[in-house]
């Protein structure tokens, strides 16, 4: 999946919303907004880095046989 595509942006937005709501609703501490935002942003950054590695390696034409 290309990071610059609309499909990835929709998945990243859904990931952000789900992580934010899970952390905001389930947290009783006074700084729940900050924690929820940090967790949601970290989740989207992790998703982006992971998809960047997958997209980068999908263009690789060299096949490594480890047998």
C-alpha atoms as a PDB file:
ATOM      1  CA  UNK A   1       0.000   0.000   0.000  1.00  0.00           C
ATOM      2  CA  UNK A   2       1.398   3.363  -1.014  1.00  0.00           C
ATOM      3  CA  UNK A   3       1.730   5.851   1.847  1.00  0.00           C
ATOM      4  CA  UNK A   4       0.656   8.765  -0.350  1.00  0.00           C
ATOM      5  CA  UNK A   5      -2.615   7.168  -1.458  1.00  0.00           C
ATOM      6  CA  UNK A   6      -6.117   8.088  -0.343  1.00  0.00           C
ATOM      7  CA  UNK A   7      -6.705   4.536   0.864  1.00  0.00           C
ATOM      8  CA  UNK A   8      -3.813   4.779   3.327  1.00  0.00           C
ATOM      9  CA  UNK A   9      -5.000   8.178   4.577  1.00  0.00           C
ATOM     10  CA  UNK A  10      -8.447   6.721   5.301  1.00  0.00           C
ATOM     11  CA  UNK A  11      -6.926   3.767   7.165  1.00  0.00           C
ATOM     12  CA  UNK A  12      -4.640   6.112   9.128  1.00  0.00           C
ATOM     13  CA  UNK A  13      -7.605   8.317  10.079  1.00  0.00           C
ATOM     14  CA  UNK A  14      -9.646   5.309  11.207  1.00  0.00           C
ATOM     15  CA  UNK A  15      -6.667   4.042  13.215  1.00  0.00           C
ATOM     16  CA  UNK A  16      -6.277   7.436  14.873  1.00  0.00           C
ATOM     17  CA  UNK A  17      -9.970   7.665  15.767  1.00  0.00           C
ATOM     18  CA  UNK A  18     -10.150   4.138  17.179  1.00  0.00           C
ATOM     19  CA  UNK A  19      -6.992   4.500  19.266  1.00  0.00           C
ATOM     20  CA  UNK A  20      -8.021   7.928  20.514  1.00  0.00           C
ATOM     21  CA  UNK A  21     -11.491   6.826  21.559  1.00  0.00           C
ATOM     22  CA  UNK A  22     -10.250   3.634  23.207  1.00  0.00           C
ATOM     23  CA  UNK A  23      -7.806   5.606  25.331  1.00  0.00           C
ATOM     24  CA  UNK A  24     -10.037   8.606  26.015  1.00  0.00           C
ATOM     25  CA  UNK A  25     -13.160   6.698  27.051  1.00  0.00           C
ATOM     26  CA  UNK A  26     -11.371   4.054  29.089  1.00  0.00           C
ATOM     27  CA  UNK A  27      -9.085   6.393  31.043  1.00  0.00           C
ATOM     28  CA  UNK A  28     -10.027   7.939  34.391  1.00  0.00           C
ATOM     29  CA  UNK A  29      -6.856   9.964  34.972  1.00  0.00           C
ATOM     30  CA  UNK A  30      -6.938  13.779  34.797  1.00  0.00           C
ATOM     31  CA  UNK A  31      -4.583  13.923  31.775  1.00  0.00           C
ATOM     32  CA  UNK A  32      -6.626  11.531  29.634  1.00  0.00           C
ATOM     33  CA  UNK A  33      -6.765  13.894  26.635  1.00  0.00           C
ATOM     34  CA  UNK A  34      -2.976  14.171  26.389  1.00  0.00           C
ATOM     35  CA  UNK A  35      -2.488  10.424  26.823  1.00  0.00           C
ATOM     36  CA  UNK A  36      -5.127   9.603  24.236  1.00  0.00           C
ATOM     37  CA  UNK A  37      -3.614  12.023  21.702  1.00  0.00           C
ATOM     38  CA  UNK A  38      -0.076  10.728  22.239  1.00  0.00           C
ATOM     39  CA  UNK A  39      -1.171   7.108  21.911  1.00  0.00           C
ATOM     40  CA  UNK A  40      -3.204   7.775  18.759  1.00  0.00           C
ATOM     41  CA  UNK A  41      -0.385   9.739  17.106  1.00  0.00           C
ATOM     42  CA  UNK A  42       2.142   7.041  18.042  1.00  0.00           C
ATOM     43  CA  UNK A  43      -0.134   4.394  16.529  1.00  0.00           C
ATOM     44  CA  UNK A  44      -0.446   6.273  13.246  1.00  0.00           C
ATOM     45  CA  UNK A  45       3.312   6.928  13.123  1.00  0.00           C
ATOM     46  CA  UNK A  46       3.980   3.227  13.731  1.00  0.00           C
ATOM     47  CA  UNK A  47       1.493   2.279  11.003  1.00  0.00           C
ATOM     48  CA  UNK A  48       3.144   4.711   8.591  1.00  0.00           C
ATOM     49  CA  UNK A  49       6.653   3.416   9.298  1.00  0.00           C
ATOM     50  CA  UNK A  50       5.502  -0.176   8.911  1.00  0.00           C
ATOM     51  CA  UNK A  51       3.723   0.493   5.634  1.00  0.00           C
ATOM     52  CA  UNK A  52       6.745   2.443   4.375  1.00  0.00           C
ATOM     53  CA  UNK A  53       8.935  -0.625   4.944  1.00  0.00           C
ATOM     54  CA  UNK A  54       6.395  -2.899   3.254  1.00  0.00           C
ATOM     55  CA  UNK A  55       6.002  -0.567   0.277  1.00  0.00           C
ATOM     56  CA  UNK A  56       9.772  -0.078  -0.021  1.00  0.00           C
ATOM     57  CA  UNK A  57      10.452  -3.825   0.032  1.00  0.00           C
ATOM     58  CA  UNK A  58       7.666  -4.615  -2.433  1.00  0.00           C
ATOM     59  CA  UNK A  59       9.630  -2.793  -5.168  1.00  0.00           C
ATOM     60  CA  UNK A  60      12.767  -4.828  -4.471  1.00  0.00           C
ATOM     61  CA  UNK A  61      13.540  -7.104  -7.433  1.00  0.00           C
ATOM     62  CA  UNK A  62      16.303  -9.066  -5.738  1.00  0.00           C
ATOM     63  CA  UNK A  63      15.187 -12.378  -4.340  1.00  0.00           C
ATOM     64  CA  UNK A  64      17.181 -13.722  -1.453  1.00  0.00           C
ATOM     65  CA  UNK A  65      17.218 -17.473  -1.002  1.00  0.00           C
ATOM     66  CA  UNK A  66      18.291 -18.366   2.501  1.00  0.00           C
ATOM     67  CA  UNK A  67      18.396 -22.120   1.955  1.00  0.00           C
END
